[in-house]
Amino acid sequence: MVAGSLVERRSRPNGAAAYYLSIPTKRNSWHRYIRKDELEYFRVRAAAWRKFVHAMSQWVLVNKAIEKELRLLGRERCEKITIKRGKGK
């Protein structure tokens, strides 16, 4: 996997395509030129990264739903106790 996206750029509307690997950093993105002989290698790995990120986001959503249900079960399981204070002990 390559942590980045494959970007196609054209200098002219009907010109030849140039490919870059866009790699995000903390402040901005860094672009690396991809030669034609490397294109398929990076295309496969960038697609794997995209698939991995999507799977991780789905996993986070499922975990949140599970945690919500478990907390609800925990609250319903506990018996409410009232404590009386004052003159009517």
C-alpha atoms as a PDB file:
ATOM      1  CA  MET A   1       0.000   0.000   0.000  1.00  0.00           C
ATOM      2  CA  VAL A   2       1.014   3.556  -0.632  1.00  0.00           C
ATOM      3  CA  ALA A   3      -0.511   6.230   1.602  1.00  0.00           C
ATOM      4  CA  GLY A   4      -1.517   8.556  -1.199  1.00  0.00           C
ATOM      5  CA  SER A   5      -3.728   9.184  -4.209  1.00  0.00           C
ATOM      6  CA  LEU A   6      -2.887   8.905  -7.862  1.00  0.00           C
ATOM      7  CA  VAL A   7      -3.511  12.211  -9.666  1.00  0.00           C
ATOM      8  CA  GLU A   8      -3.696  12.648 -13.441  1.00  0.00           C
ATOM      9  CA  ARG A   9      -2.661  16.034 -14.844  1.00  0.00           C
ATOM     10  CA  ARG A  10      -2.702  17.375 -18.382  1.00  0.00           C
ATOM     11  CA  SER A  11      -0.865  20.507 -19.439  1.00  0.00           C
ATOM     12  CA  ARG A  12      -3.282  20.928 -22.396  1.00  0.00           C
ATOM     13  CA  PRO A  13      -6.869  19.707 -22.733  1.00  0.00           C
ATOM     14  CA  ASN A  14      -5.945  17.058 -25.340  1.00  0.00           C
ATOM     15  CA  GLY A  15      -2.324  16.660 -24.257  1.00  0.00           C
ATOM     16  CA  ALA A  16      -0.602  13.632 -22.808  1.00  0.00           C
ATOM     17  CA  ALA A  17      -1.406  12.724 -19.228  1.00  0.00           C
ATOM     18  CA  ALA A  18       1.209  12.975 -16.495  1.00  0.00           C
ATOM     19  CA  TYR A  19       0.656  11.051 -13.250  1.00  0.00           C
ATOM     20  CA  TYR A  20       1.619  12.110  -9.761  1.00  0.00           C
ATOM     21  CA  LEU A  21       1.306  10.448  -6.398  1.00  0.00           C
ATOM     22  CA  SER A  22      -0.242  12.919  -3.962  1.00  0.00           C
ATOM     23  CA  ILE A  23       0.965  12.183  -0.447  1.00  0.00           C
ATOM     24  CA  PRO A  24      -0.659  14.207   2.359  1.00  0.00           C
ATOM     25  CA  THR A  25       1.540  15.637   5.097  1.00  0.00           C
ATOM     26  CA  LYS A  26       0.646  17.636   8.204  1.00  0.00           C
ATOM     27  CA  ARG A  27       0.672  20.997   6.422  1.00  0.00           C
ATOM     28  CA  ASN A  28       0.107  20.255   2.723  1.00  0.00           C
ATOM     29  CA  SER A  29       0.393  17.551   0.080  1.00  0.00           C
ATOM     30  CA  TRP A  30       3.604  16.390  -1.546  1.00  0.00           C
ATOM     31  CA  HIS A  31       3.465  15.261  -5.201  1.00  0.00           C
ATOM     32  CA  ARG A  32       5.841  12.710  -6.668  1.00  0.00           C
ATOM     33  CA  TYR A  33       6.041  12.270 -10.430  1.00  0.00           C
ATOM     34  CA  ILE A  34       5.251   8.723 -11.568  1.00  0.00           C
ATOM     35  CA  ARG A  35       7.013   7.398 -14.661  1.00  0.00           C
ATOM     36  CA  LYS A  36       5.044   5.317 -17.155  1.00  0.00           C
ATOM     37  CA  ASP A  37       6.860   2.133 -16.186  1.00  0.00           C
ATOM     38  CA  GLU A  38       5.913   2.695 -12.504  1.00  0.00           C
ATOM     39  CA  LEU A  39       2.284   3.653 -13.181  1.00  0.00           C
ATOM     40  CA  GLU A  40       0.632   0.240 -12.747  1.00  0.00           C
ATOM     41  CA  TYR A  41       2.657  -0.476  -9.592  1.00  0.00           C
ATOM     42  CA  PHE A  42       1.466   2.737  -7.919  1.00  0.00           C
ATOM     43  CA  ARG A  43      -2.068   2.467  -9.308  1.00  0.00           C
ATOM     44  CA  VAL A  44      -2.549  -0.891  -7.558  1.00  0.00           C
ATOM     45  CA  ARG A  45      -0.998   0.279  -4.293  1.00  0.00           C
ATOM     46  CA  ALA A  46      -2.922   3.576  -4.191  1.00  0.00           C
ATOM     47  CA  ALA A  47      -6.164   1.633  -4.798  1.00  0.00           C
ATOM     48  CA  ALA A  48      -5.254  -0.715  -1.933  1.00  0.00           C
ATOM     49  CA  TRP A  49      -4.713   2.310   0.327  1.00  0.00           C
ATOM     50  CA  ARG A  50      -8.095   3.776  -0.661  1.00  0.00           C
ATOM     51  CA  LYS A  51      -9.755   0.423   0.078  1.00  0.00           C
ATOM     52  CA  PHE A  52      -7.955   0.184   3.439  1.00  0.00           C
ATOM     53  CA  VAL A  53      -9.004   3.701   4.493  1.00  0.00           C
ATOM     54  CA  HIS A  54     -12.620   2.968   3.556  1.00  0.00           C
ATOM     55  CA  ALA A  55     -12.554  -0.299   5.538  1.00  0.00           C
ATOM     56  CA  MET A  56     -11.097   1.492   8.567  1.00  0.00           C
ATOM     57  CA  SER A  57     -13.824   4.139   8.467  1.00  0.00           C
ATOM     58  CA  GLN A  58     -16.478   1.409   8.320  1.00  0.00           C
ATOM     59  CA  TRP A  59     -14.787  -0.353  11.239  1.00  0.00           C
ATOM     60  CA  VAL A  60     -14.895   2.839  13.325  1.00  0.00           C
ATOM     61  CA  LEU A  61     -18.630   3.252  12.627  1.00  0.00           C
ATOM     62  CA  VAL A  62     -19.341  -0.354  13.641  1.00  0.00           C
ATOM     63  CA  ASN A  63     -17.282   0.023  16.822  1.00  0.00           C
ATOM     64  CA  LYS A  64     -19.200   3.173  17.778  1.00  0.00           C
ATOM     65  CA  ALA A  65     -22.515   1.374  17.300  1.00  0.00           C
ATOM     66  CA  ILE A  66     -21.333  -1.602  19.384  1.00  0.00           C
ATOM     67  CA  GLU A  67     -20.079   0.673  22.161  1.00  0.00           C
ATOM     68  CA  LYS A  68     -23.392   2.560  22.207  1.00  0.00           C
ATOM     69  CA  GLU A  69     -25.349  -0.702  22.548  1.00  0.00           C
ATOM     70  CA  LEU A  70     -23.052  -2.024  25.288  1.00  0.00           C
ATOM     71  CA  ARG A  71     -23.359   1.205  27.288  1.00  0.00           C
ATOM     72  CA  LEU A  72     -27.153   1.048  26.945  1.00  0.00           C
ATOM     73  CA  LEU A  73     -27.163  -2.564  28.164  1.00  0.00           C
ATOM     74  CA  GLY A  74     -24.960  -1.590  31.102  1.00  0.00           C
ATOM     75  CA  ARG A  75     -27.293   1.228  32.122  1.00  0.00           C
ATOM     76  CA  GLU A  76     -30.383  -0.986  31.869  1.00  0.00           C
ATOM     77  CA  ARG A  77     -28.722  -3.754  33.840  1.00  0.00           C
ATOM     78  CA  CYS A  78     -27.987  -1.588  36.859  1.00  0.00           C
ATOM     79  CA  GLU A  79     -30.753  -1.314  39.454  1.00  0.00           C
ATOM     80  CA  LYS A  80     -31.696   2.189  40.520  1.00  0.00           C
ATOM     81  CA  ILE A  81     -31.350   2.761  44.250  1.00  0.00           C
ATOM     82  CA  THR A  82     -32.937   5.708  46.001  1.00  0.00           C
ATOM     83  CA  ILE A  83     -31.506   6.973  49.239  1.00  0.00           C
ATOM     84  CA  LYS A  84     -33.846   8.723  51.643  1.00  0.00           C
ATOM     85  CA  ARG A  85     -32.369  11.343  53.888  1.00  0.00           C
ATOM     86  CA  GLY A  86     -33.830  13.535  56.536  1.00  0.00           C
ATOM     87  CA  LYS A  87     -36.634  13.070  59.063  1.00  0.00           C
ATOM     88  CA  GLY A  88     -38.430  10.155  57.428  1.00  0.00           C
ATOM     89  CA  LYS A  89     -35.622   7.579  57.903  1.00  0.00           C
END
